[in-house]
């Protein structure tokens, strides 16, 4: 129990946070492409 630290879970939470950022970036990119298509 002494060897258990919060940092042991950090890679998992970092991966989850990274996936959310990637999902947000992809969605924004799709909206941007759609907006460009509408303008043109």
PDB file of N, CA and C in Angstrom:
ATOM      1  N   UNK A   1       0.838  -1.202   0.000  1.00  0.00           N
ATOM      2  CA  UNK A   1       0.000   0.000   0.000  1.00  0.00           C
ATOM      3  C   UNK A   1       0.876   1.256   0.000  1.00  0.00           C
ATOM      4  N   UNK A   2       2.070   1.143   0.564  1.00  0.00           N
ATOM      5  CA  UNK A   2       2.938   2.310   0.642  1.00  0.00           C
ATOM      6  C   UNK A   2       3.445   2.714  -0.739  1.00  0.00           C
ATOM      7  N   UNK A   3       3.577   1.724  -1.659  1.00  0.00           N
ATOM      8  CA  UNK A   3       4.084   2.023  -2.994  1.00  0.00           C
ATOM      9  C   UNK A   3       3.023   2.615  -3.907  1.00  0.00           C
ATOM     10  N   UNK A   4       1.775   2.627  -3.451  1.00  0.00           N
ATOM     11  CA  UNK A   4       0.694   3.148  -4.284  1.00  0.00           C
ATOM     12  C   UNK A   4       0.697   4.678  -4.243  1.00  0.00           C
ATOM     13  N   UNK A   5       0.768   5.276  -5.408  1.00  0.00           N
ATOM     14  CA  UNK A   5       0.775   6.739  -5.501  1.00  0.00           C
ATOM     15  C   UNK A   5      -0.218   7.177  -6.577  1.00  0.00           C
ATOM     16  N   UNK A   6      -0.636   8.433  -6.520  1.00  0.00           N
ATOM     17  CA  UNK A   6      -1.546   8.967  -7.528  1.00  0.00           C
ATOM     18  C   UNK A   6      -0.856   9.011  -8.885  1.00  0.00           C
ATOM     19  N   UNK A   7       0.489   9.183  -8.887  1.00  0.00           N
ATOM     20  CA  UNK A   7       1.227   9.274 -10.143  1.00  0.00           C
ATOM     21  C   UNK A   7       1.138   7.968 -10.929  1.00  0.00           C
ATOM     22  N   UNK A   8       0.822   6.859 -10.248  1.00  0.00           N
ATOM     23  CA  UNK A   8       0.684   5.582 -10.949  1.00  0.00           C
ATOM     24  C   UNK A   8      -0.525   5.618 -11.883  1.00  0.00           C
ATOM     25  N   UNK A   9      -1.522   6.427 -11.542  1.00  0.00           N
ATOM     26  CA  UNK A   9      -2.726   6.520 -12.367  1.00  0.00           C
ATOM     27  C   UNK A   9      -2.605   7.620 -13.413  1.00  0.00           C
ATOM     28  N   UNK A  10      -1.581   8.430 -13.323  1.00  0.00           N
ATOM     29  CA  UNK A  10      -1.474   9.602 -14.185  1.00  0.00           C
ATOM     30  C   UNK A  10      -1.475   9.263 -15.672  1.00  0.00           C
ATOM     31  N   UNK A  11      -0.739   8.244 -16.131  1.00  0.00           N
ATOM     32  CA  UNK A  11      -0.752   7.934 -17.571  1.00  0.00           C
ATOM     33  C   UNK A  11      -2.150   7.636 -18.093  1.00  0.00           C
ATOM     34  N   UNK A  12      -2.982   6.995 -17.278  1.00  0.00           N
ATOM     35  CA  UNK A  12      -4.337   6.658 -17.721  1.00  0.00           C
ATOM     36  C   UNK A  12      -5.163   7.930 -17.876  1.00  0.00           C
ATOM     37  N   UNK A  13      -5.117   8.806 -16.896  1.00  0.00           N
ATOM     38  CA  UNK A  13      -5.884  10.045 -16.972  1.00  0.00           C
ATOM     39  C   UNK A  13      -5.342  10.931 -18.089  1.00  0.00           C
ATOM     40  N   UNK A  14      -4.025  10.882 -18.309  1.00  0.00           N
ATOM     41  CA  UNK A  14      -3.420  11.677 -19.385  1.00  0.00           C
ATOM     42  C   UNK A  14      -3.905  11.187 -20.745  1.00  0.00           C
ATOM     43  N   UNK A  15      -3.998   9.852 -20.904  1.00  0.00           N
ATOM     44  CA  UNK A  15      -4.502   9.282 -22.157  1.00  0.00           C
ATOM     45  C   UNK A  15      -5.954   9.693 -22.377  1.00  0.00           C
ATOM     46  N   UNK A  16      -6.753   9.638 -21.313  1.00  0.00           N
ATOM     47  CA  UNK A  16      -8.165  10.001 -21.418  1.00  0.00           C
ATOM     48  C   UNK A  16      -8.313  11.471 -21.804  1.00  0.00           C
ATOM     49  N   UNK A  17      -7.502  12.328 -21.174  1.00  0.00           N
ATOM     50  CA  UNK A  17      -7.546  13.756 -21.476  1.00  0.00           C
ATOM     51  C   UNK A  17      -7.091  14.010 -22.908  1.00  0.00           C
ATOM     52  N   UNK A  18      -6.056  13.290 -23.342  1.00  0.00           N
ATOM     53  CA  UNK A  18      -5.559  13.439 -24.712  1.00  0.00           C
ATOM     54  C   UNK A  18      -6.607  13.023 -25.733  1.00  0.00           C
ATOM     55  N   UNK A  19      -7.346  11.962 -25.426  1.00  0.00           N
ATOM     56  CA  UNK A  19      -8.388  11.497 -26.348  1.00  0.00           C
ATOM     57  C   UNK A  19      -9.485  12.554 -26.480  1.00  0.00           C
ATOM     58  N   UNK A  20      -9.814  13.225 -25.376  1.00  0.00           N
ATOM     59  CA  UNK A  20     -10.832  14.277 -25.421  1.00  0.00           C
ATOM     60  C   UNK A  20     -10.353  15.443 -26.274  1.00  0.00           C
ATOM     61  N   UNK A  21      -9.071  15.796 -26.140  1.00  0.00           N
ATOM     62  CA  UNK A  21      -8.522  16.902 -26.931  1.00  0.00           C
ATOM     63  C   UNK A  21      -8.535  16.546 -28.416  1.00  0.00           C
ATOM     64  N   UNK A  22      -8.141  15.298 -28.739  1.00  0.00           N
ATOM     65  CA  UNK A  22      -8.120  14.867 -30.133  1.00  0.00           C
ATOM     66  C   UNK A  22      -9.536  14.888 -30.706  1.00  0.00           C
ATOM     67  N   UNK A  23     -10.506  14.406 -29.935  1.00  0.00           N
ATOM     68  CA  UNK A  23     -11.893  14.387 -30.394  1.00  0.00           C
ATOM     69  C   UNK A  23     -12.395  15.815 -30.646  1.00  0.00           C
ATOM     70  N   UNK A  24     -12.065  16.733 -29.740  1.00  0.00           N
ATOM     71  CA  UNK A  24     -12.468  18.130 -29.897  1.00  0.00           C
ATOM     72  C   UNK A  24     -11.821  18.737 -31.137  1.00  0.00           C
ATOM     73  N   UNK A  25     -10.536  18.413 -31.374  1.00  0.00           N
ATOM     74  CA  UNK A  25      -9.809  18.959 -32.523  1.00  0.00           C
ATOM     75  C   UNK A  25     -10.411  18.458 -33.823  1.00  0.00           C
ATOM     76  N   UNK A  26     -10.740  17.162 -33.879  1.00  0.00           N
ATOM     77  CA  UNK A  26     -11.319  16.580 -35.096  1.00  0.00           C
ATOM     78  C   UNK A  26     -12.692  17.193 -35.374  1.00  0.00           C
ATOM     79  N   UNK A  27     -13.495  17.373 -34.329  1.00  0.00           N
ATOM     80  CA  UNK A  27     -14.824  17.958 -34.512  1.00  0.00           C
ATOM     81  C   UNK A  27     -14.712  19.394 -35.004  1.00  0.00           C
ATOM     82  N   UNK A  28     -13.785  20.164 -34.430  1.00  0.00           N
ATOM     83  CA  UNK A  28     -13.597  21.549 -34.854  1.00  0.00           C
ATOM     84  C   UNK A  28     -13.134  21.603 -36.301  1.00  0.00           C
ATOM     85  N   UNK A  29     -12.262  20.671 -36.690  1.00  0.00           N
ATOM     86  CA  UNK A  29     -11.759  20.633 -38.058  1.00  0.00           C
ATOM     87  C   UNK A  29     -12.893  20.342 -39.041  1.00  0.00           C
ATOM     88  N   UNK A  30     -13.781  19.430 -38.675  1.00  0.00           N
ATOM     89  CA  UNK A  30     -14.908  19.098 -39.546  1.00  0.00           C
ATOM     90  C   UNK A  30     -15.850  20.294 -39.683  1.00  0.00           C
ATOM     91  N   UNK A  31     -16.099  20.994 -38.581  1.00  0.00           N
ATOM     92  CA  UNK A  31     -16.971  22.176 -38.624  1.00  0.00           C
ATOM     93  C   UNK A  31     -16.327  23.259 -39.489  1.00  0.00           C
ATOM     94  N   UNK A  32     -15.009  23.420 -39.368  1.00  0.00           N
ATOM     95  CA  UNK A  32     -14.292  24.430 -40.141  1.00  0.00           C
ATOM     96  C   UNK A  32     -14.371  24.112 -41.633  1.00  0.00           C
ATOM     97  N   UNK A  33     -14.187  22.831 -41.995  1.00  0.00           N
ATOM     98  CA  UNK A  33     -14.281  22.427 -43.394  1.00  0.00           C
ATOM     99  C   UNK A  33     -15.692  22.647 -43.921  1.00  0.00           C
ATOM    100  N   UNK A  34     -16.686  22.337 -43.120  1.00  0.00           N
ATOM    101  CA  UNK A  34     -18.077  22.518 -43.525  1.00  0.00           C
ATOM    102  C   UNK A  34     -18.384  24.002 -43.723  1.00  0.00           C
ATOM    103  N   UNK A  35     -17.854  24.852 -42.829  1.00  0.00           N
ATOM    104  CA  UNK A  35     -18.072  26.295 -42.940  1.00  0.00           C
ATOM    105  C   UNK A  35     -17.392  26.829 -44.204  1.00  0.00           C
ATOM    106  N   UNK A  36     -16.203  26.343 -44.510  1.00  0.00           N
ATOM    107  CA  UNK A  36     -15.506  26.766 -45.724  1.00  0.00           C
ATOM    108  C   UNK A  36     -16.307  26.374 -46.957  1.00  0.00           C
ATOM    109  N   UNK A  37     -16.880  25.174 -46.934  1.00  0.00           N
ATOM    110  CA  UNK A  37     -17.672  24.707 -48.074  1.00  0.00           C
ATOM    111  C   UNK A  37     -18.917  25.583 -48.246  1.00  0.00           C
ATOM    112  N   UNK A  38     -19.492  26.023 -47.135  1.00  0.00           N
ATOM    113  CA  UNK A  38     -20.682  26.870 -47.207  1.00  0.00           C
ATOM    114  C   UNK A  38     -20.324  28.249 -47.758  1.00  0.00           C
ATOM    115  N   UNK A  39     -19.166  28.777 -47.356  1.00  0.00           N
ATOM    116  CA  UNK A  39     -18.753  30.115 -47.800  1.00  0.00           C
ATOM    117  C   UNK A  39     -18.445  30.096 -49.301  1.00  0.00           C
ATOM    118  N   UNK A  40     -17.741  29.062 -49.744  1.00  0.00           N
ATOM    119  CA  UNK A  40     -17.394  28.956 -51.159  1.00  0.00           C
ATOM    120  C   UNK A  40     -18.627  28.569 -51.958  1.00  0.00           C
TER     121      UNK A  40
END
